[in-house]
């Protein structure tokens, strides 16, 4: 009987989708309770239960097709009592299909959270936390505002200049030297205005941009700004400097706060190390003139994941994705910058 078939389909679908929801709940527990990135991977294998993460939506799709089949003829037939019943039946099928269709949102949410947990634990990122080197309790908002005031590159927006995300971590070079680091995202907005025929200013649009970078603390070098862009720095980096190497001059611009200090600092070895660093990076590298703080900023998203799994349908695919994905630009910056600071 058709009714028995429908009942059986509903029962099978409900049973399959319950397995998916149970797996998602278990994934949330794993993500919240794991101590390390490897701990998350270890808890995903062996799973010792059905591994599916794909919702069964065949029945809602069929209901949607049936609903459309009964509604469409209404627009071509005359006004008859049977067209009204056809329309109501089709509308009921579409409503049932809409209410019973399981979206992938719960799976996407838990996958995103697992990715964030893997990133935080693998790269030891402490979100919205000042670095340990400060040694005193400080309000994060005041701390970030203070850092922004130290460098002139955080005033690029005419409307807003914000650091909506930051995370502290510790980098260690091959010799065991540790560096306290604060990674950040810098967002700024500019307003574009034009004048109409009467000379009145009109707001056309707002342009929003993002840059990413890091602060490195306890750096001995001071009073220097280096950029890969053809631009000038202003106070306090008022004095330009040119290398004897034409190729370096074409790629890098050097500015400093004191000409005598620059002459001592910019030795051939230092300039070559700087050129090596910027072979695979672009942006601005600034050393504060008084504080022992370095700031690097560029348009490259340091938190961009190397690859996204196209479709995660089971626990095995999810584990493979979490095991292989990484932050390649952050890893490269850590390697190159720690090498530069040796």
C-alpha atoms as a PDB file:
ATOM      1  CA  UNK A   1       0.000   0.000   0.000  1.00  0.00           C
ATOM      2  CA  UNK A   2       1.261   3.550  -0.760  1.00  0.00           C
ATOM      3  CA  UNK A   3       0.460   4.695   2.783  1.00  0.00           C
ATOM      4  CA  UNK A   4       2.554   1.887   4.258  1.00  0.00           C
ATOM      5  CA  UNK A   5       5.416   2.778   1.924  1.00  0.00           C
ATOM      6  CA  UNK A   6       5.287   6.426   3.003  1.00  0.00           C
ATOM      7  CA  UNK A   7       5.198   5.445   6.679  1.00  0.00           C
ATOM      8  CA  UNK A   8       8.180   3.160   6.179  1.00  0.00           C
ATOM      9  CA  UNK A   9      10.106   5.923   4.348  1.00  0.00           C
ATOM     10  CA  UNK A  10       9.380   8.382   7.152  1.00  0.00           C
ATOM     11  CA  UNK A  11      10.542   5.863   9.754  1.00  0.00           C
ATOM     12  CA  UNK A  12      13.790   5.101   7.887  1.00  0.00           C
ATOM     13  CA  UNK A  13      14.469   8.792   7.303  1.00  0.00           C
ATOM     14  CA  UNK A  14      13.847   9.677  10.941  1.00  0.00           C
ATOM     15  CA  UNK A  15      16.165   6.883  12.064  1.00  0.00           C
ATOM     16  CA  UNK A  16      18.980   7.924   9.688  1.00  0.00           C
ATOM     17  CA  UNK A  17      18.745  11.593  10.598  1.00  0.00           C
ATOM     18  CA  UNK A  18      18.753  10.760  14.304  1.00  0.00           C
ATOM     19  CA  UNK A  19      22.125   9.072  13.767  1.00  0.00           C
ATOM     20  CA  UNK A  20      23.444  12.258  12.139  1.00  0.00           C
ATOM     21  CA  UNK A  21      22.180  14.446  14.982  1.00  0.00           C
ATOM     22  CA  UNK A  22      23.686  12.060  17.541  1.00  0.00           C
ATOM     23  CA  UNK A  23      27.021  12.247  15.719  1.00  0.00           C
ATOM     24  CA  UNK A  24      26.875  16.050  15.656  1.00  0.00           C
ATOM     25  CA  UNK A  25      26.167  16.147  19.407  1.00  0.00           C
ATOM     26  CA  UNK A  26      29.125  13.853  19.976  1.00  0.00           C
ATOM     27  CA  UNK A  27      31.347  16.099  17.834  1.00  0.00           C
ATOM     28  CA  UNK A  28      30.382  19.097  19.979  1.00  0.00           C
ATOM     29  CA  UNK A  29      31.378  17.168  23.104  1.00  0.00           C
ATOM     30  CA  UNK A  30      34.725  16.246  21.526  1.00  0.00           C
ATOM     31  CA  UNK A  31      35.460  19.809  20.439  1.00  0.00           C
ATOM     32  CA  UNK A  32      34.678  21.239  23.870  1.00  0.00           C
ATOM     33  CA  UNK A  33      36.482  18.592  25.885  1.00  0.00           C
ATOM     34  CA  UNK A  34      39.677  17.974  23.900  1.00  0.00           C
ATOM     35  CA  UNK A  35      43.010  19.060  25.371  1.00  0.00           C
ATOM     36  CA  UNK A  36      44.956  19.246  22.109  1.00  0.00           C
ATOM     37  CA  UNK A  37      44.589  19.060  18.342  1.00  0.00           C
ATOM     38  CA  UNK A  38      45.816  15.461  18.367  1.00  0.00           C
ATOM     39  CA  UNK A  39      43.301  14.636  21.083  1.00  0.00           C
ATOM     40  CA  UNK A  40      40.490  15.722  18.746  1.00  0.00           C
ATOM     41  CA  UNK A  41      41.831  13.509  15.950  1.00  0.00           C
ATOM     42  CA  UNK A  42      42.275  10.548  18.297  1.00  0.00           C
ATOM     43  CA  UNK A  43      38.671  10.795  19.483  1.00  0.00           C
ATOM     44  CA  UNK A  44      37.433  10.673  15.894  1.00  0.00           C
ATOM     45  CA  UNK A  45      39.043   7.291  15.252  1.00  0.00           C
ATOM     46  CA  UNK A  46      37.894   4.690  15.960  1.00  0.00           C
ATOM     47  CA  UNK A  47      34.323   5.998  16.034  1.00  0.00           C
ATOM     48  CA  UNK A  48      32.666   2.699  17.005  1.00  0.00           C
ATOM     49  CA  UNK A  49      29.286   3.826  15.671  1.00  0.00           C
ATOM     50  CA  UNK A  50      27.667   4.696  12.329  1.00  0.00           C
ATOM     51  CA  UNK A  51      29.867   7.385  10.770  1.00  0.00           C
ATOM     52  CA  UNK A  52      27.358   9.127   8.508  1.00  0.00           C
ATOM     53  CA  UNK A  53      27.026  12.911   8.599  1.00  0.00           C
ATOM     54  CA  UNK A  54      24.658  13.194   5.649  1.00  0.00           C
ATOM     55  CA  UNK A  55      21.010  14.006   6.251  1.00  0.00           C
ATOM     56  CA  UNK A  56      18.385  11.940   4.451  1.00  0.00           C
ATOM     57  CA  UNK A  57      16.294  14.420   2.441  1.00  0.00           C
ATOM     58  CA  UNK A  58      14.903  12.283  -0.377  1.00  0.00           C
ATOM     59  CA  UNK A  59      11.337  12.398   0.968  1.00  0.00           C
ATOM     60  CA  UNK A  60      11.194  16.231   1.326  1.00  0.00           C
ATOM     61  CA  UNK A  61      12.568  16.600  -2.203  1.00  0.00           C
ATOM     62  CA  UNK A  62       9.912  14.242  -3.583  1.00  0.00           C
ATOM     63  CA  UNK A  63       7.232  16.119  -1.650  1.00  0.00           C
ATOM     64  CA  UNK A  64       8.468  19.359  -3.160  1.00  0.00           C
ATOM     65  CA  UNK A  65       8.249  17.904  -6.661  1.00  0.00           C
ATOM     66  CA  UNK A  66       4.740  16.594  -6.006  1.00  0.00           C
ATOM     67  CA  UNK A  67       3.687  19.960  -4.586  1.00  0.00           C
ATOM     68  CA  UNK A  68       4.929  21.818  -7.658  1.00  0.00           C
ATOM     69  CA  UNK A  69       3.202  19.242  -9.892  1.00  0.00           C
ATOM     70  CA  UNK A  70      -0.167  19.978  -8.263  1.00  0.00           C
ATOM     71  CA  UNK A  71       0.256  23.766  -8.046  1.00  0.00           C
ATOM     72  CA  UNK A  72       1.478  24.564 -11.576  1.00  0.00           C
ATOM     73  CA  UNK A  73      -1.710  23.401 -13.424  1.00  0.00           C
ATOM     74  CA  UNK A  74      -3.760  25.853 -11.348  1.00  0.00           C
ATOM     75  CA  UNK A  75      -2.251  28.777 -13.278  1.00  0.00           C
ATOM     76  CA  UNK A  76      -3.303  27.318 -16.632  1.00  0.00           C
ATOM     77  CA  UNK A  77      -6.740  25.886 -15.828  1.00  0.00           C
ATOM     78  CA  UNK A  78      -9.925  27.792 -15.298  1.00  0.00           C
ATOM     79  CA  UNK A  79     -11.618  28.408 -11.991  1.00  0.00           C
ATOM     80  CA  UNK A  80     -12.874  24.994 -10.913  1.00  0.00           C
ATOM     81  CA  UNK A  81     -13.356  23.391  -7.561  1.00  0.00           C
ATOM     82  CA  UNK A  82     -10.752  20.758  -8.386  1.00  0.00           C
ATOM     83  CA  UNK A  83      -8.115  23.452  -9.046  1.00  0.00           C
ATOM     84  CA  UNK A  84      -8.661  24.803  -5.537  1.00  0.00           C
ATOM     85  CA  UNK A  85      -8.165  21.345  -4.018  1.00  0.00           C
ATOM     86  CA  UNK A  86      -5.136  20.794  -6.257  1.00  0.00           C
ATOM     87  CA  UNK A  87      -3.630  24.087  -5.121  1.00  0.00           C
ATOM     88  CA  UNK A  88      -4.257  23.363  -1.430  1.00  0.00           C
ATOM     89  CA  UNK A  89      -2.851  19.847  -1.724  1.00  0.00           C
ATOM     90  CA  UNK A  90       0.243  21.106  -3.550  1.00  0.00           C
ATOM     91  CA  UNK A  91       0.707  23.878  -1.000  1.00  0.00           C
ATOM     92  CA  UNK A  92       0.448  21.327   1.802  1.00  0.00           C
ATOM     93  CA  UNK A  93       3.113  19.161   0.165  1.00  0.00           C
ATOM     94  CA  UNK A  94       5.458  22.137  -0.200  1.00  0.00           C
ATOM     95  CA  UNK A  95       4.898  23.137   3.413  1.00  0.00           C
ATOM     96  CA  UNK A  96       5.570  19.588   4.589  1.00  0.00           C
ATOM     97  CA  UNK A  97       8.705  19.441   2.435  1.00  0.00           C
ATOM     98  CA  UNK A  98       9.941  22.749   3.866  1.00  0.00           C
ATOM     99  CA  UNK A  99       9.321  21.731   7.474  1.00  0.00           C
ATOM    100  CA  UNK A 100      10.841  18.267   7.118  1.00  0.00           C
ATOM    101  CA  UNK A 101      13.926  19.208   5.070  1.00  0.00           C
ATOM    102  CA  UNK A 102      17.067  19.047   7.210  1.00  0.00           C
ATOM    103  CA  UNK A 103      19.532  21.841   6.503  1.00  0.00           C
ATOM    104  CA  UNK A 104      23.294  21.301   6.763  1.00  0.00           C
ATOM    105  CA  UNK A 105      23.640  24.236   9.189  1.00  0.00           C
ATOM    106  CA  UNK A 106      24.237  22.073  12.314  1.00  0.00           C
ATOM    107  CA  UNK A 107      27.011  20.188  10.507  1.00  0.00           C
ATOM    108  CA  UNK A 108      28.580  23.393   9.175  1.00  0.00           C
ATOM    109  CA  UNK A 109      28.528  24.948  12.650  1.00  0.00           C
ATOM    110  CA  UNK A 110      30.218  22.023  14.379  1.00  0.00           C
ATOM    111  CA  UNK A 111      32.779  21.696  11.561  1.00  0.00           C
ATOM    112  CA  UNK A 112      33.669  25.392  11.829  1.00  0.00           C
ATOM    113  CA  UNK A 113      34.015  25.056  15.589  1.00  0.00           C
ATOM    114  CA  UNK A 114      36.252  21.999  15.236  1.00  0.00           C
ATOM    115  CA  UNK A 115      38.431  23.889  12.752  1.00  0.00           C
ATOM    116  CA  UNK A 116      38.774  26.792  15.179  1.00  0.00           C
ATOM    117  CA  UNK A 117      39.648  24.449  18.028  1.00  0.00           C
ATOM    118  CA  UNK A 118      42.274  22.693  15.896  1.00  0.00           C
ATOM    119  CA  UNK A 119      43.766  26.058  14.910  1.00  0.00           C
ATOM    120  CA  UNK A 120      43.816  27.406  18.458  1.00  0.00           C
ATOM    121  CA  UNK A 121      45.380  24.273  19.903  1.00  0.00           C
ATOM    122  CA  UNK A 122      47.775  23.534  17.037  1.00  0.00           C
ATOM    123  CA  UNK A 123      49.103  27.093  16.827  1.00  0.00           C
ATOM    124  CA  UNK A 124      48.580  27.826  20.546  1.00  0.00           C
ATOM    125  CA  UNK A 125      46.468  30.910  19.906  1.00  0.00           C
ATOM    126  CA  UNK A 126      44.963  32.687  22.908  1.00  0.00           C
ATOM    127  CA  UNK A 127      42.098  34.716  21.504  1.00  0.00           C
ATOM    128  CA  UNK A 128      41.599  38.275  22.754  1.00  0.00           C
ATOM    129  CA  UNK A 129      44.351  37.820  25.322  1.00  0.00           C
ATOM    130  CA  UNK A 130      47.384  40.133  25.700  1.00  0.00           C
ATOM    131  CA  UNK A 131      50.766  38.384  25.474  1.00  0.00           C
ATOM    132  CA  UNK A 132      52.435  37.065  28.594  1.00  0.00           C
ATOM    133  CA  UNK A 133      55.404  39.441  28.446  1.00  0.00           C
ATOM    134  CA  UNK A 134      53.392  42.311  29.952  1.00  0.00           C
ATOM    135  CA  UNK A 135      53.408  40.708  33.373  1.00  0.00           C
ATOM    136  CA  UNK A 136      50.608  42.906  34.720  1.00  0.00           C
ATOM    137  CA  UNK A 137      46.849  42.807  34.412  1.00  0.00           C
ATOM    138  CA  UNK A 138      45.630  45.114  31.666  1.00  0.00           C
ATOM    139  CA  UNK A 139      42.279  45.643  30.029  1.00  0.00           C
ATOM    140  CA  UNK A 140      42.496  44.181  26.484  1.00  0.00           C
ATOM    141  CA  UNK A 141      40.638  47.144  24.961  1.00  0.00           C
ATOM    142  CA  UNK A 142      43.117  49.642  26.431  1.00  0.00           C
ATOM    143  CA  UNK A 143      46.032  47.437  25.445  1.00  0.00           C
ATOM    144  CA  UNK A 144      44.944  47.276  21.786  1.00  0.00           C
ATOM    145  CA  UNK A 145      44.235  51.011  21.707  1.00  0.00           C
ATOM    146  CA  UNK A 146      47.727  51.638  23.074  1.00  0.00           C
ATOM    147  CA  UNK A 147      49.346  49.463  20.392  1.00  0.00           C
ATOM    148  CA  UNK A 148      47.417  51.260  17.646  1.00  0.00           C
ATOM    149  CA  UNK A 149      48.708  54.602  18.891  1.00  0.00           C
ATOM    150  CA  UNK A 150      52.318  53.420  18.707  1.00  0.00           C
ATOM    151  CA  UNK A 151      52.368  52.993  14.915  1.00  0.00           C
ATOM    152  CA  UNK A 152      51.122  55.389  12.209  1.00  0.00           C
ATOM    153  CA  UNK A 153      49.850  52.591   9.965  1.00  0.00           C
ATOM    154  CA  UNK A 154      46.655  52.216  12.008  1.00  0.00           C
ATOM    155  CA  UNK A 155      45.105  55.470  10.811  1.00  0.00           C
ATOM    156  CA  UNK A 156      44.367  54.455   7.219  1.00  0.00           C
ATOM    157  CA  UNK A 157      40.602  54.776   7.605  1.00  0.00           C
ATOM    158  CA  UNK A 158      38.735  58.066   7.604  1.00  0.00           C
ATOM    159  CA  UNK A 159      35.657  56.486   9.216  1.00  0.00           C
ATOM    160  CA  UNK A 160      36.938  53.641  11.359  1.00  0.00           C
ATOM    161  CA  UNK A 161      40.164  51.916  12.355  1.00  0.00           C
ATOM    162  CA  UNK A 162      39.530  48.748  14.318  1.00  0.00           C
ATOM    163  CA  UNK A 163      41.293  45.559  15.344  1.00  0.00           C
ATOM    164  CA  UNK A 164      38.289  43.208  15.553  1.00  0.00           C
ATOM    165  CA  UNK A 165      40.353  40.074  16.143  1.00  0.00           C
ATOM    166  CA  UNK A 166      43.653  39.336  17.841  1.00  0.00           C
ATOM    167  CA  UNK A 167      45.335  36.384  19.493  1.00  0.00           C
ATOM    168  CA  UNK A 168      48.563  36.019  21.426  1.00  0.00           C
ATOM    169  CA  UNK A 169      51.008  33.179  20.973  1.00  0.00           C
ATOM    170  CA  UNK A 170      54.669  32.287  21.404  1.00  0.00           C
ATOM    171  CA  UNK A 171      57.042  31.606  18.530  1.00  0.00           C
ATOM    172  CA  UNK A 172      60.302  29.746  18.972  1.00  0.00           C
ATOM    173  CA  UNK A 173      63.187  29.669  16.503  1.00  0.00           C
ATOM    174  CA  UNK A 174      65.593  26.822  15.797  1.00  0.00           C
ATOM    175  CA  UNK A 175      67.917  27.937  18.590  1.00  0.00           C
ATOM    176  CA  UNK A 176      65.169  27.883  21.205  1.00  0.00           C
ATOM    177  CA  UNK A 177      64.769  31.667  21.344  1.00  0.00           C
ATOM    178  CA  UNK A 178      61.160  32.523  22.179  1.00  0.00           C
ATOM    179  CA  UNK A 179      59.214  35.535  20.923  1.00  0.00           C
ATOM    180  CA  UNK A 180      55.984  36.853  22.405  1.00  0.00           C
ATOM    181  CA  UNK A 181      53.655  37.575  19.480  1.00  0.00           C
ATOM    182  CA  UNK A 182      50.243  39.148  19.028  1.00  0.00           C
ATOM    183  CA  UNK A 183      48.515  38.287  15.738  1.00  0.00           C
ATOM    184  CA  UNK A 184      45.775  40.618  14.563  1.00  0.00           C
ATOM    185  CA  UNK A 185      43.267  41.583  11.895  1.00  0.00           C
ATOM    186  CA  UNK A 186      43.065  45.301  11.103  1.00  0.00           C
ATOM    187  CA  UNK A 187      39.855  46.630   9.555  1.00  0.00           C
ATOM    188  CA  UNK A 188      39.468  50.174   8.283  1.00  0.00           C
ATOM    189  CA  UNK A 189      36.855  52.057   6.297  1.00  0.00           C
ATOM    190  CA  UNK A 190      37.053  55.104   4.064  1.00  0.00           C
ATOM    191  CA  UNK A 191      34.254  57.257   2.763  1.00  0.00           C
ATOM    192  CA  UNK A 192      34.218  58.228  -0.903  1.00  0.00           C
ATOM    193  CA  UNK A 193      32.592  61.583  -1.623  1.00  0.00           C
ATOM    194  CA  UNK A 194      31.972  63.512  -4.830  1.00  0.00           C
ATOM    195  CA  UNK A 195      30.528  66.930  -5.571  1.00  0.00           C
ATOM    196  CA  UNK A 196      27.299  67.407  -7.468  1.00  0.00           C
ATOM    197  CA  UNK A 197      26.725  70.128 -10.055  1.00  0.00           C
ATOM    198  CA  UNK A 198      25.902  72.601  -7.278  1.00  0.00           C
ATOM    199  CA  UNK A 199      29.176  71.945  -5.483  1.00  0.00           C
ATOM    200  CA  UNK A 200      27.630  70.015  -2.607  1.00  0.00           C
ATOM    201  CA  UNK A 201      29.474  66.977  -1.284  1.00  0.00           C
ATOM    202  CA  UNK A 202      27.650  63.687  -1.666  1.00  0.00           C
ATOM    203  CA  UNK A 203      28.556  60.420  -0.027  1.00  0.00           C
ATOM    204  CA  UNK A 204      28.922  57.774  -2.728  1.00  0.00           C
ATOM    205  CA  UNK A 205      29.948  54.709  -0.747  1.00  0.00           C
ATOM    206  CA  UNK A 206      32.106  53.312   2.017  1.00  0.00           C
ATOM    207  CA  UNK A 207      35.148  51.207   1.163  1.00  0.00           C
ATOM    208  CA  UNK A 208      36.069  48.584   3.749  1.00  0.00           C
ATOM    209  CA  UNK A 209      39.425  46.802   3.756  1.00  0.00           C
ATOM    210  CA  UNK A 210      41.221  44.275   5.927  1.00  0.00           C
ATOM    211  CA  UNK A 211      44.897  43.815   6.661  1.00  0.00           C
ATOM    212  CA  UNK A 212      46.579  41.203   8.825  1.00  0.00           C
ATOM    213  CA  UNK A 213      49.804  41.150  10.754  1.00  0.00           C
ATOM    214  CA  UNK A 214      51.573  40.725  14.058  1.00  0.00           C
ATOM    215  CA  UNK A 215      53.302  42.540  16.880  1.00  0.00           C
ATOM    216  CA  UNK A 216      56.508  40.999  18.196  1.00  0.00           C
ATOM    217  CA  UNK A 217      57.675  42.153  21.618  1.00  0.00           C
ATOM    218  CA  UNK A 218      61.112  42.529  23.200  1.00  0.00           C
ATOM    219  CA  UNK A 219      62.796  43.231  19.858  1.00  0.00           C
ATOM    220  CA  UNK A 220      66.069  45.209  20.215  1.00  0.00           C
ATOM    221  CA  UNK A 221      65.874  47.060  16.869  1.00  0.00           C
ATOM    222  CA  UNK A 222      64.261  50.513  17.076  1.00  0.00           C
ATOM    223  CA  UNK A 223      63.294  53.441  14.876  1.00  0.00           C
ATOM    224  CA  UNK A 224      63.031  51.789  11.460  1.00  0.00           C
ATOM    225  CA  UNK A 225      60.257  51.369   8.868  1.00  0.00           C
ATOM    226  CA  UNK A 226      60.512  49.174   5.767  1.00  0.00           C
ATOM    227  CA  UNK A 227      57.888  48.785   3.063  1.00  0.00           C
ATOM    228  CA  UNK A 228      57.461  46.989  -0.241  1.00  0.00           C
ATOM    229  CA  UNK A 229      55.185  49.756  -1.505  1.00  0.00           C
ATOM    230  CA  UNK A 230      56.189  52.914  -3.309  1.00  0.00           C
ATOM    231  CA  UNK A 231      55.145  55.282  -0.550  1.00  0.00           C
ATOM    232  CA  UNK A 232      56.589  57.564   2.085  1.00  0.00           C
ATOM    233  CA  UNK A 233      56.422  57.284   5.838  1.00  0.00           C
ATOM    234  CA  UNK A 234      55.879  60.354   7.929  1.00  0.00           C
ATOM    235  CA  UNK A 235      56.793  61.257  11.491  1.00  0.00           C
ATOM    236  CA  UNK A 236      58.495  59.689  13.309  1.00  0.00           C
ATOM    237  CA  UNK A 237      59.967  57.767  10.332  1.00  0.00           C
ATOM    238  CA  UNK A 238      61.023  60.927   8.521  1.00  0.00           C
ATOM    239  CA  UNK A 239      64.416  60.035   7.023  1.00  0.00           C
ATOM    240  CA  UNK A 240      64.684  57.876   3.874  1.00  0.00           C
ATOM    241  CA  UNK A 241      67.649  55.595   3.244  1.00  0.00           C
ATOM    242  CA  UNK A 242      68.862  53.943   0.047  1.00  0.00           C
ATOM    243  CA  UNK A 243      70.854  50.768  -0.332  1.00  0.00           C
ATOM    244  CA  UNK A 244      73.827  50.450  -2.652  1.00  0.00           C
ATOM    245  CA  UNK A 245      72.031  47.474  -4.213  1.00  0.00           C
ATOM    246  CA  UNK A 246      69.804  48.691  -7.059  1.00  0.00           C
ATOM    247  CA  UNK A 247      67.494  45.655  -6.940  1.00  0.00           C
ATOM    248  CA  UNK A 248      66.871  46.091  -3.214  1.00  0.00           C
ATOM    249  CA  UNK A 249      66.127  49.787  -3.748  1.00  0.00           C
ATOM    250  CA  UNK A 250      63.581  48.870  -6.401  1.00  0.00           C
ATOM    251  CA  UNK A 251      61.751  46.471  -4.104  1.00  0.00           C
ATOM    252  CA  UNK A 252      62.182  47.978  -0.630  1.00  0.00           C
ATOM    253  CA  UNK A 253      61.914  51.462   0.840  1.00  0.00           C
ATOM    254  CA  UNK A 254      63.709  52.220   4.123  1.00  0.00           C
ATOM    255  CA  UNK A 255      62.828  55.035   6.519  1.00  0.00           C
ATOM    256  CA  UNK A 256      64.113  55.847   9.986  1.00  0.00           C
ATOM    257  CA  UNK A 257      63.837  58.223  12.908  1.00  0.00           C
ATOM    258  CA  UNK A 258      67.547  59.036  13.231  1.00  0.00           C
ATOM    259  CA  UNK A 259      70.067  59.141  10.396  1.00  0.00           C
ATOM    260  CA  UNK A 260      73.047  58.254  12.589  1.00  0.00           C
ATOM    261  CA  UNK A 261      71.309  55.217  14.076  1.00  0.00           C
ATOM    262  CA  UNK A 262      70.184  54.112  10.626  1.00  0.00           C
ATOM    263  CA  UNK A 263      73.756  54.212   9.322  1.00  0.00           C
ATOM    264  CA  UNK A 264      74.831  51.870  12.129  1.00  0.00           C
ATOM    265  CA  UNK A 265      71.798  49.609  11.949  1.00  0.00           C
ATOM    266  CA  UNK A 266      71.521  49.111   8.194  1.00  0.00           C
ATOM    267  CA  UNK A 267      74.606  46.997   7.707  1.00  0.00           C
ATOM    268  CA  UNK A 268      74.925  44.865   4.548  1.00  0.00           C
ATOM    269  CA  UNK A 269      74.046  41.752   6.571  1.00  0.00           C
ATOM    270  CA  UNK A 270      70.889  43.351   8.014  1.00  0.00           C
ATOM    271  CA  UNK A 271      69.778  44.627   4.603  1.00  0.00           C
ATOM    272  CA  UNK A 272      70.276  41.181   3.058  1.00  0.00           C
ATOM    273  CA  UNK A 273      68.268  39.546   5.866  1.00  0.00           C
ATOM    274  CA  UNK A 274      65.510  42.066   5.242  1.00  0.00           C
ATOM    275  CA  UNK A 275      65.549  41.366   1.506  1.00  0.00           C
ATOM    276  CA  UNK A 276      65.382  37.620   2.195  1.00  0.00           C
ATOM    277  CA  UNK A 277      62.333  38.126   4.410  1.00  0.00           C
ATOM    278  CA  UNK A 278      60.497  40.190   1.801  1.00  0.00           C
ATOM    279  CA  UNK A 279      61.157  37.702  -0.993  1.00  0.00           C
ATOM    280  CA  UNK A 280      58.039  35.834   0.087  1.00  0.00           C
ATOM    281  CA  UNK A 281      56.173  38.649   1.851  1.00  0.00           C
ATOM    282  CA  UNK A 282      54.796  42.084   1.124  1.00  0.00           C
ATOM    283  CA  UNK A 283      53.649  44.896   3.352  1.00  0.00           C
ATOM    284  CA  UNK A 284      55.127  47.126   6.045  1.00  0.00           C
ATOM    285  CA  UNK A 285      57.636  46.231   8.753  1.00  0.00           C
ATOM    286  CA  UNK A 286      58.040  48.822  11.503  1.00  0.00           C
ATOM    287  CA  UNK A 287      60.216  49.007  14.611  1.00  0.00           C
ATOM    288  CA  UNK A 288      59.018  51.477  17.229  1.00  0.00           C
ATOM    289  CA  UNK A 289      61.545  54.273  17.960  1.00  0.00           C
ATOM    290  CA  UNK A 290      61.339  53.880  21.766  1.00  0.00           C
ATOM    291  CA  UNK A 291      59.498  50.662  22.607  1.00  0.00           C
ATOM    292  CA  UNK A 292      61.010  47.270  21.817  1.00  0.00           C
ATOM    293  CA  UNK A 293      58.083  46.343  19.592  1.00  0.00           C
ATOM    294  CA  UNK A 294      57.979  45.254  15.974  1.00  0.00           C
ATOM    295  CA  UNK A 295      54.849  45.535  13.836  1.00  0.00           C
ATOM    296  CA  UNK A 296      54.367  43.731  10.535  1.00  0.00           C
ATOM    297  CA  UNK A 297      51.223  44.264   8.454  1.00  0.00           C
ATOM    298  CA  UNK A 298      50.189  43.013   5.009  1.00  0.00           C
ATOM    299  CA  UNK A 299      47.117  42.237   2.876  1.00  0.00           C
ATOM    300  CA  UNK A 300      47.679  38.485   3.236  1.00  0.00           C
ATOM    301  CA  UNK A 301      45.117  36.790   5.481  1.00  0.00           C
ATOM    302  CA  UNK A 302      47.183  34.947   8.082  1.00  0.00           C
ATOM    303  CA  UNK A 303      44.144  32.966   9.222  1.00  0.00           C
ATOM    304  CA  UNK A 304      43.219  31.633   5.775  1.00  0.00           C
ATOM    305  CA  UNK A 305      42.911  27.857   5.774  1.00  0.00           C
ATOM    306  CA  UNK A 306      44.882  25.984   3.120  1.00  0.00           C
ATOM    307  CA  UNK A 307      41.902  23.994   1.858  1.00  0.00           C
ATOM    308  CA  UNK A 308      38.256  23.457   2.577  1.00  0.00           C
ATOM    309  CA  UNK A 309      36.620  20.061   2.362  1.00  0.00           C
ATOM    310  CA  UNK A 310      34.094  20.272  -0.474  1.00  0.00           C
ATOM    311  CA  UNK A 311      31.580  17.950   1.135  1.00  0.00           C
ATOM    312  CA  UNK A 312      31.833  16.219   4.484  1.00  0.00           C
ATOM    313  CA  UNK A 313      29.505  13.221   4.514  1.00  0.00           C
ATOM    314  CA  UNK A 314      31.043  11.071   7.237  1.00  0.00           C
ATOM    315  CA  UNK A 315      33.404  11.061  10.203  1.00  0.00           C
ATOM    316  CA  UNK A 316      36.320   9.684   8.167  1.00  0.00           C
ATOM    317  CA  UNK A 317      36.149  12.595   5.705  1.00  0.00           C
ATOM    318  CA  UNK A 318      35.897  15.063   8.579  1.00  0.00           C
ATOM    319  CA  UNK A 319      38.929  13.583  10.328  1.00  0.00           C
ATOM    320  CA  UNK A 320      40.953  13.647   7.120  1.00  0.00           C
ATOM    321  CA  UNK A 321      40.070  17.300   6.618  1.00  0.00           C
ATOM    322  CA  UNK A 322      40.976  18.276  10.178  1.00  0.00           C
ATOM    323  CA  UNK A 323      44.228  16.321  10.002  1.00  0.00           C
ATOM    324  CA  UNK A 324      45.526  17.924   6.792  1.00  0.00           C
ATOM    325  CA  UNK A 325      44.327  21.522   6.779  1.00  0.00           C
ATOM    326  CA  UNK A 326      46.621  24.268   8.077  1.00  0.00           C
ATOM    327  CA  UNK A 327      47.345  27.996   8.014  1.00  0.00           C
ATOM    328  CA  UNK A 328      50.141  28.183   5.410  1.00  0.00           C
ATOM    329  CA  UNK A 329      50.619  31.967   5.469  1.00  0.00           C
ATOM    330  CA  UNK A 330      50.873  32.054   9.245  1.00  0.00           C
ATOM    331  CA  UNK A 331      53.366  29.178   9.252  1.00  0.00           C
ATOM    332  CA  UNK A 332      55.487  30.884   6.591  1.00  0.00           C
ATOM    333  CA  UNK A 333      55.446  34.190   8.465  1.00  0.00           C
ATOM    334  CA  UNK A 334      56.481  32.493  11.702  1.00  0.00           C
ATOM    335  CA  UNK A 335      59.358  30.697   9.991  1.00  0.00           C
ATOM    336  CA  UNK A 336      60.625  33.712   8.036  1.00  0.00           C
ATOM    337  CA  UNK A 337      60.201  36.290  10.786  1.00  0.00           C
ATOM    338  CA  UNK A 338      61.920  34.212  13.475  1.00  0.00           C
ATOM    339  CA  UNK A 339      64.760  33.626  11.011  1.00  0.00           C
ATOM    340  CA  UNK A 340      64.939  37.372  10.325  1.00  0.00           C
ATOM    341  CA  UNK A 341      65.089  38.208  14.046  1.00  0.00           C
ATOM    342  CA  UNK A 342      68.040  35.908  14.787  1.00  0.00           C
END
